[in-house]
Amino acid sequence: MTKQDTPAADPASQLPFSRPFHIDRLRGDGIAEIEVEANATERAALARVDGLVAVDRLVGRFRITHAGPNDVSVTGEVEAAIVQTCSVTLEPFEASVREAVDLRFAPPAQVAAAEAAAARAAEDGFPAFDEAPDPPDPIVDGQIDLGAIAAEFLALGLDPYPRKPGATFDSTSLPSEGQAVASPFAALQRLKHGKT
């Protein structure tokens, strides 16, 4: 597997992690195996974007193949070691992310046609619409961005309500059913009337 650890050449890129792969690089058999890994600067940017304490490691391992005359298939796995904040205790804790990747890419005109067909099927109430495959993602300027794929699947693999192992929510501080809840302005009212 080839390791591609050179950041994108375009400094104006707004992506926190970018590793463009030109599909012309596919070998004669139409297969490339590429590994990409985020550096410290990229991991810090991804942590900010995803609301994490830290991203200690992010690696994507991809197998890229021709899926048709103009289509490209990208399969593989994204792995990450992260530090996130527990939604119960608000303490930082280490966690891992592992997501399988299975995507298809095609030229923009082909993507637009597939999206239009999907929209028509939805409007017509086509019964198998929910089971139809998603339209492919676009190949932009002959390239697909493996870093962007890794960043996307990192975000998809995050728990929106992360909980540190062993952390439990204390429900005893919540009002029981039928119990009056004190107004947050009650203390101000007491002060206003000279009561404490």
C-alpha atoms as a PDB file:
ATOM      1  CA  MET A   1       0.000   0.000   0.000  1.00  0.00           C
ATOM      2  CA  THR A   2       1.386   3.390  -1.015  1.00  0.00           C
ATOM      3  CA  LYS A   3       1.489   6.067   1.661  1.00  0.00           C
ATOM      4  CA  GLN A   4       0.504   9.542   0.539  1.00  0.00           C
ATOM      5  CA  ASP A   5       1.471  11.932   3.322  1.00  0.00           C
ATOM      6  CA  THR A   6       2.072  15.106   1.340  1.00  0.00           C
ATOM      7  CA  PRO A   7      -0.505  17.821   2.045  1.00  0.00           C
ATOM      8  CA  ALA A   8      -2.423  19.426  -0.782  1.00  0.00           C
ATOM      9  CA  ALA A   9      -0.302  21.790  -2.841  1.00  0.00           C
ATOM     10  CA  ASP A  10      -2.984  24.498  -2.878  1.00  0.00           C
ATOM     11  CA  PRO A  11      -2.449  26.652   0.249  1.00  0.00           C
ATOM     12  CA  ALA A  12      -5.820  28.321  -0.330  1.00  0.00           C
ATOM     13  CA  SER A  13      -7.636  25.031   0.260  1.00  0.00           C
ATOM     14  CA  GLN A  14     -10.261  25.414   2.955  1.00  0.00           C
ATOM     15  CA  LEU A  15     -10.220  21.719   3.832  1.00  0.00           C
ATOM     16  CA  PRO A  16      -8.511  20.905   7.140  1.00  0.00           C
ATOM     17  CA  PHE A  17      -7.202  17.625   5.680  1.00  0.00           C
ATOM     18  CA  SER A  18      -6.650  17.256   1.936  1.00  0.00           C
ATOM     19  CA  ARG A  19      -4.864  14.568  -0.078  1.00  0.00           C
ATOM     20  CA  PRO A  20      -5.896  14.831  -3.745  1.00  0.00           C
ATOM     21  CA  PHE A  21      -5.522  11.659  -5.787  1.00  0.00           C
ATOM     22  CA  HIS A  22      -5.548  11.970  -9.571  1.00  0.00           C
ATOM     23  CA  ILE A  23      -7.421   9.050 -11.094  1.00  0.00           C
ATOM     24  CA  ASP A  24      -4.879   8.893 -13.926  1.00  0.00           C
ATOM     25  CA  ARG A  25      -2.527   7.380 -11.332  1.00  0.00           C
ATOM     26  CA  LEU A  26      -4.475   4.111 -11.376  1.00  0.00           C
ATOM     27  CA  ARG A  27      -2.186   1.340 -12.581  1.00  0.00           C
ATOM     28  CA  GLY A  28      -2.738  -0.651 -15.746  1.00  0.00           C
ATOM     29  CA  ASP A  29      -4.939  -3.060 -13.802  1.00  0.00           C
ATOM     30  CA  GLY A  30      -6.973  -0.085 -12.593  1.00  0.00           C
ATOM     31  CA  ILE A  31      -6.167  -0.522  -8.898  1.00  0.00           C
ATOM     32  CA  ALA A  32      -4.373   1.693  -6.371  1.00  0.00           C
ATOM     33  CA  GLU A  33      -3.979   1.135  -2.642  1.00  0.00           C
ATOM     34  CA  ILE A  34      -3.249   4.377  -0.808  1.00  0.00           C
ATOM     35  CA  GLU A  35      -2.799   5.249   2.866  1.00  0.00           C
ATOM     36  CA  VAL A  36      -3.178   8.840   4.046  1.00  0.00           C
ATOM     37  CA  GLU A  37      -2.413  10.155   7.527  1.00  0.00           C
ATOM     38  CA  ALA A  38      -3.160  13.590   8.987  1.00  0.00           C
ATOM     39  CA  ASN A  39      -0.249  15.561  10.400  1.00  0.00           C
ATOM     40  CA  ALA A  40      -0.313  17.507  13.697  1.00  0.00           C
ATOM     41  CA  THR A  41      -1.563  20.754  12.127  1.00  0.00           C
ATOM     42  CA  GLU A  42      -4.319  18.962  10.243  1.00  0.00           C
ATOM     43  CA  ARG A  43      -5.363  16.998  13.327  1.00  0.00           C
ATOM     44  CA  ALA A  44      -5.624  20.208  15.362  1.00  0.00           C
ATOM     45  CA  ALA A  45      -7.800  21.778  12.650  1.00  0.00           C
ATOM     46  CA  LEU A  46     -10.033  18.698  12.531  1.00  0.00           C
ATOM     47  CA  ALA A  47     -10.410  18.760  16.317  1.00  0.00           C
ATOM     48  CA  ARG A  48     -11.654  22.352  16.104  1.00  0.00           C
ATOM     49  CA  VAL A  49     -14.059  21.567  13.256  1.00  0.00           C
ATOM     50  CA  ASP A  50     -15.491  18.498  14.999  1.00  0.00           C
ATOM     51  CA  GLY A  51     -15.629  19.973  18.503  1.00  0.00           C
ATOM     52  CA  LEU A  52     -13.085  17.525  19.931  1.00  0.00           C
ATOM     53  CA  VAL A  53     -10.438  18.054  22.583  1.00  0.00           C
ATOM     54  CA  ALA A  54      -7.874  16.446  20.263  1.00  0.00           C
ATOM     55  CA  VAL A  55      -7.382  14.149  17.311  1.00  0.00           C
ATOM     56  CA  ASP A  56      -4.295  12.131  18.198  1.00  0.00           C
ATOM     57  CA  ARG A  57      -4.293  10.037  15.020  1.00  0.00           C
ATOM     58  CA  LEU A  58      -6.252   9.846  11.781  1.00  0.00           C
ATOM     59  CA  VAL A  59      -5.447   7.310   9.072  1.00  0.00           C
ATOM     60  CA  GLY A  60      -7.359   6.350   5.956  1.00  0.00           C
ATOM     61  CA  ARG A  61      -6.553   3.179   4.023  1.00  0.00           C
ATOM     62  CA  PHE A  62      -8.194   3.100   0.616  1.00  0.00           C
ATOM     63  CA  ARG A  63      -8.455   0.797  -2.373  1.00  0.00           C
ATOM     64  CA  ILE A  64      -9.287   2.746  -5.526  1.00  0.00           C
ATOM     65  CA  THR A  65     -10.532   0.918  -8.603  1.00  0.00           C
ATOM     66  CA  HIS A  66     -12.294   1.636 -11.871  1.00  0.00           C
ATOM     67  CA  ALA A  67     -16.008   0.884 -11.445  1.00  0.00           C
ATOM     68  CA  GLY A  68     -16.966   1.584 -15.048  1.00  0.00           C
ATOM     69  CA  PRO A  69     -15.788   3.566 -18.072  1.00  0.00           C
ATOM     70  CA  ASN A  70     -15.759   6.817 -16.083  1.00  0.00           C
ATOM     71  CA  ASP A  71     -16.571   5.721 -12.524  1.00  0.00           C
ATOM     72  CA  VAL A  72     -14.166   5.122  -9.673  1.00  0.00           C
ATOM     73  CA  SER A  73     -14.843   3.059  -6.553  1.00  0.00           C
ATOM     74  CA  VAL A  74     -13.198   3.884  -3.215  1.00  0.00           C
ATOM     75  CA  THR A  75     -13.367   1.287  -0.453  1.00  0.00           C
ATOM     76  CA  GLY A  76     -11.405   0.927   2.742  1.00  0.00           C
ATOM     77  CA  GLU A  77     -11.373   2.048   6.330  1.00  0.00           C
ATOM     78  CA  VAL A  78     -10.796   5.179   8.391  1.00  0.00           C
ATOM     79  CA  GLU A  79      -9.320   4.862  11.885  1.00  0.00           C
ATOM     80  CA  ALA A  80      -8.833   7.595  14.456  1.00  0.00           C
ATOM     81  CA  ALA A  81      -7.709   8.044  18.054  1.00  0.00           C
ATOM     82  CA  ILE A  82      -9.464  11.026  19.595  1.00  0.00           C
ATOM     83  CA  VAL A  83     -10.053  12.835  22.879  1.00  0.00           C
ATOM     84  CA  GLN A  84     -13.594  14.064  23.408  1.00  0.00           C
ATOM     85  CA  THR A  85     -15.594  15.602  26.243  1.00  0.00           C
ATOM     86  CA  CYS A  86     -17.975  13.400  28.204  1.00  0.00           C
ATOM     87  CA  SER A  87     -21.551  14.679  27.867  1.00  0.00           C
ATOM     88  CA  VAL A  88     -22.265  13.580  31.464  1.00  0.00           C
ATOM     89  CA  THR A  89     -19.178  14.542  33.493  1.00  0.00           C
ATOM     90  CA  LEU A  90     -17.683  17.111  31.075  1.00  0.00           C
ATOM     91  CA  GLU A  91     -14.334  15.365  31.531  1.00  0.00           C
ATOM     92  CA  PRO A  92     -12.042  14.618  28.580  1.00  0.00           C
ATOM     93  CA  PHE A  93     -11.582  10.958  27.698  1.00  0.00           C
ATOM     94  CA  GLU A  94      -9.895   8.943  24.974  1.00  0.00           C
ATOM     95  CA  ALA A  95     -11.932   7.126  22.341  1.00  0.00           C
ATOM     96  CA  SER A  96     -11.468   5.510  18.964  1.00  0.00           C
ATOM     97  CA  VAL A  97     -13.304   5.701  15.656  1.00  0.00           C
ATOM     98  CA  ARG A  98     -13.345   3.032  12.966  1.00  0.00           C
ATOM     99  CA  GLU A  99     -15.521   3.491   9.887  1.00  0.00           C
ATOM    100  CA  ALA A 100     -15.793   1.409   6.715  1.00  0.00           C
ATOM    101  CA  VAL A 101     -15.695   3.361   3.438  1.00  0.00           C
ATOM    102  CA  ASP A 102     -17.576   2.399   0.282  1.00  0.00           C
ATOM    103  CA  LEU A 103     -18.030   5.266  -2.185  1.00  0.00           C
ATOM    104  CA  ARG A 104     -18.420   5.754  -5.900  1.00  0.00           C
ATOM    105  CA  PHE A 105     -17.181   8.758  -7.876  1.00  0.00           C
ATOM    106  CA  ALA A 106     -18.093   9.899 -11.388  1.00  0.00           C
ATOM    107  CA  PRO A 107     -17.659  12.950 -13.650  1.00  0.00           C
ATOM    108  CA  PRO A 108     -19.845  15.938 -12.618  1.00  0.00           C
ATOM    109  CA  ALA A 109     -22.216  15.577 -15.618  1.00  0.00           C
ATOM    110  CA  GLN A 110     -22.891  11.961 -14.685  1.00  0.00           C
ATOM    111  CA  VAL A 111     -23.460  12.939 -11.030  1.00  0.00           C
ATOM    112  CA  ALA A 112     -25.941  15.659 -12.067  1.00  0.00           C
ATOM    113  CA  ALA A 113     -27.845  13.190 -14.242  1.00  0.00           C
ATOM    114  CA  ALA A 114     -28.027  10.651 -11.413  1.00  0.00           C
ATOM    115  CA  GLU A 115     -29.253  13.314  -8.958  1.00  0.00           C
ATOM    116  CA  ALA A 116     -31.920  14.480 -11.432  1.00  0.00           C
ATOM    117  CA  ALA A 117     -33.108  10.895 -11.930  1.00  0.00           C
ATOM    118  CA  ALA A 118     -33.280  10.378  -8.153  1.00  0.00           C
ATOM    119  CA  ALA A 119     -35.284  13.606  -7.749  1.00  0.00           C
ATOM    120  CA  ARG A 120     -37.752  12.501 -10.454  1.00  0.00           C
ATOM    121  CA  ALA A 121     -38.146   9.103  -8.800  1.00  0.00           C
ATOM    122  CA  ALA A 122     -38.895  10.781  -5.467  1.00  0.00           C
ATOM    123  CA  GLU A 123     -41.498  13.072  -7.041  1.00  0.00           C
ATOM    124  CA  ASP A 124     -43.177  10.150  -8.803  1.00  0.00           C
ATOM    125  CA  GLY A 125     -43.325   8.165  -5.581  1.00  0.00           C
ATOM    126  CA  PHE A 126     -41.247   5.368  -7.034  1.00  0.00           C
ATOM    127  CA  PRO A 127     -41.703   2.537  -4.478  1.00  0.00           C
ATOM    128  CA  ALA A 128     -38.078   1.395  -4.482  1.00  0.00           C
ATOM    129  CA  PHE A 129     -36.654   4.933  -4.200  1.00  0.00           C
ATOM    130  CA  ASP A 130     -35.527   4.404  -0.602  1.00  0.00           C
ATOM    131  CA  GLU A 131     -33.579   1.308  -1.688  1.00  0.00           C
ATOM    132  CA  ALA A 132     -31.944   2.970  -4.704  1.00  0.00           C
ATOM    133  CA  PRO A 133     -28.194   3.612  -4.429  1.00  0.00           C
ATOM    134  CA  ASP A 134     -27.052   7.132  -3.639  1.00  0.00           C
ATOM    135  CA  PRO A 135     -25.826   9.179  -6.613  1.00  0.00           C
ATOM    136  CA  PRO A 136     -22.031   9.104  -6.955  1.00  0.00           C
ATOM    137  CA  ASP A 137     -19.808  11.881  -5.669  1.00  0.00           C
ATOM    138  CA  PRO A 138     -18.148  14.097  -8.287  1.00  0.00           C
ATOM    139  CA  ILE A 139     -14.637  13.680  -9.646  1.00  0.00           C
ATOM    140  CA  VAL A 140     -13.324  17.263  -9.625  1.00  0.00           C
ATOM    141  CA  ASP A 141     -10.601  18.200 -12.129  1.00  0.00           C
ATOM    142  CA  GLY A 142      -9.789  14.514 -12.551  1.00  0.00           C
ATOM    143  CA  GLN A 143      -9.210  14.091  -8.801  1.00  0.00           C
ATOM    144  CA  ILE A 144     -10.786  12.686  -5.676  1.00  0.00           C
ATOM    145  CA  ASP A 145      -9.697  13.923  -2.241  1.00  0.00           C
ATOM    146  CA  LEU A 146      -8.766  11.058   0.061  1.00  0.00           C
ATOM    147  CA  GLY A 147      -8.066  13.412   2.983  1.00  0.00           C
ATOM    148  CA  ALA A 148     -11.549  14.899   2.699  1.00  0.00           C
ATOM    149  CA  ILE A 149     -13.008  11.371   2.674  1.00  0.00           C
ATOM    150  CA  ALA A 150     -11.088  10.486   5.848  1.00  0.00           C
ATOM    151  CA  ALA A 151     -12.251  13.697   7.538  1.00  0.00           C
ATOM    152  CA  GLU A 152     -15.863  13.065   6.509  1.00  0.00           C
ATOM    153  CA  PHE A 153     -15.896   9.512   7.870  1.00  0.00           C
ATOM    154  CA  LEU A 154     -14.225  10.663  11.094  1.00  0.00           C
ATOM    155  CA  ALA A 155     -17.120  13.105  11.586  1.00  0.00           C
ATOM    156  CA  LEU A 156     -19.683  10.408  10.690  1.00  0.00           C
ATOM    157  CA  GLY A 157     -18.185   8.058  13.285  1.00  0.00           C
ATOM    158  CA  LEU A 158     -18.399  10.492  16.200  1.00  0.00           C
ATOM    159  CA  ASP A 159     -20.938   9.864  18.957  1.00  0.00           C
ATOM    160  CA  PRO A 160     -23.061  13.040  19.261  1.00  0.00           C
ATOM    161  CA  TYR A 161     -23.455  12.353  23.009  1.00  0.00           C
ATOM    162  CA  PRO A 162     -20.115  10.867  24.041  1.00  0.00           C
ATOM    163  CA  ARG A 163     -20.015   9.218  27.435  1.00  0.00           C
ATOM    164  CA  LYS A 164     -16.872   8.333  29.353  1.00  0.00           C
ATOM    165  CA  PRO A 165     -16.783   4.639  30.279  1.00  0.00           C
ATOM    166  CA  GLY A 166     -18.478   4.228  33.660  1.00  0.00           C
ATOM    167  CA  ALA A 167     -20.081   7.684  33.637  1.00  0.00           C
ATOM    168  CA  THR A 168     -23.728   7.676  34.713  1.00  0.00           C
ATOM    169  CA  PHE A 169     -26.301  10.410  34.667  1.00  0.00           C
ATOM    170  CA  ASP A 170     -27.539  11.380  38.166  1.00  0.00           C
ATOM    171  CA  SER A 171     -31.285  11.740  37.858  1.00  0.00           C
ATOM    172  CA  THR A 172     -31.800  12.455  41.599  1.00  0.00           C
ATOM    173  CA  SER A 173     -31.238  16.162  41.002  1.00  0.00           C
ATOM    174  CA  LEU A 174     -34.155  16.312  38.566  1.00  0.00           C
ATOM    175  CA  PRO A 175     -37.620  17.269  39.881  1.00  0.00           C
ATOM    176  CA  SER A 176     -39.961  14.327  40.336  1.00  0.00           C
ATOM    177  CA  GLU A 177     -43.265  14.151  38.500  1.00  0.00           C
ATOM    178  CA  GLY A 178     -45.700  16.724  39.848  1.00  0.00           C
ATOM    179  CA  GLN A 179     -42.977  18.602  41.753  1.00  0.00           C
ATOM    180  CA  ALA A 180     -42.904  22.338  41.110  1.00  0.00           C
ATOM    181  CA  VAL A 181     -39.820  23.649  39.361  1.00  0.00           C
ATOM    182  CA  ALA A 182     -38.415  26.830  40.869  1.00  0.00           C
ATOM    183  CA  SER A 183     -38.366  29.782  38.508  1.00  0.00           C
ATOM    184  CA  PRO A 184     -34.873  31.018  37.676  1.00  0.00           C
ATOM    185  CA  PHE A 185     -36.185  34.505  38.494  1.00  0.00           C
ATOM    186  CA  ALA A 186     -37.441  33.574  41.975  1.00  0.00           C
ATOM    187  CA  ALA A 187     -34.196  34.658  43.654  1.00  0.00           C
ATOM    188  CA  LEU A 188     -34.336  38.032  41.876  1.00  0.00           C
ATOM    189  CA  GLN A 189     -37.917  38.559  43.015  1.00  0.00           C
ATOM    190  CA  ARG A 190     -36.926  37.859  46.615  1.00  0.00           C
ATOM    191  CA  LEU A 191     -34.078  40.366  46.403  1.00  0.00           C
ATOM    192  CA  LYS A 192     -36.382  42.975  44.890  1.00  0.00           C
ATOM    193  CA  HIS A 193     -38.764  42.685  47.819  1.00  0.00           C
ATOM    194  CA  GLY A 194     -36.019  42.651  50.410  1.00  0.00           C
ATOM    195  CA  LYS A 195     -36.283  38.931  51.111  1.00  0.00           C
ATOM    196  CA  THR A 196     -33.483  36.400  51.188  1.00  0.00           C
END
